[in-house]
Amino acid sequence: SIDRLLEIEATCARLGVCTAPALAAGAIVVPILSWHHPSWDTEPDISGWRGIPPVERCLMDYHMTRWPPGVRQEDGSAAAAVDELNDRPRAGGGGDGGGGEGGGGDGGGD
């Protein structure tokens, strides 16, 4: 799925779609990639209802997303892998009339 995301970003770059931080209509827009981390689930499990299937059987994220070897949703490594994508340069694009200002950043914290 990271490969799929990178393919989408490459398509955006070819089409001139800005996927990097940029100024648009006087506001700074900063796209941030993320994936849910298991530590965010701090609510207690539902009790008193029978037959509630586990989240792994309910959310398509668990069925349709494919991760590189060693990356898993259950241990938080998928969230970390997606978060790392924010540290690399992204396509500038700019067809919004204001992408020249603030759109030249590298999208990361180098």
Foldseek 3Di string as FASTA:
>chain_A
DVVVVVVVLVVCLVVLNAQAFFAAPNDTDHDAWFDDAVVVPPDDDDPDDPDDDDPCVVDCCNVPDDDDPPADRHHRSVRVVRRVVQAAAGRQRDPRVTSVPRSPDRSHDD
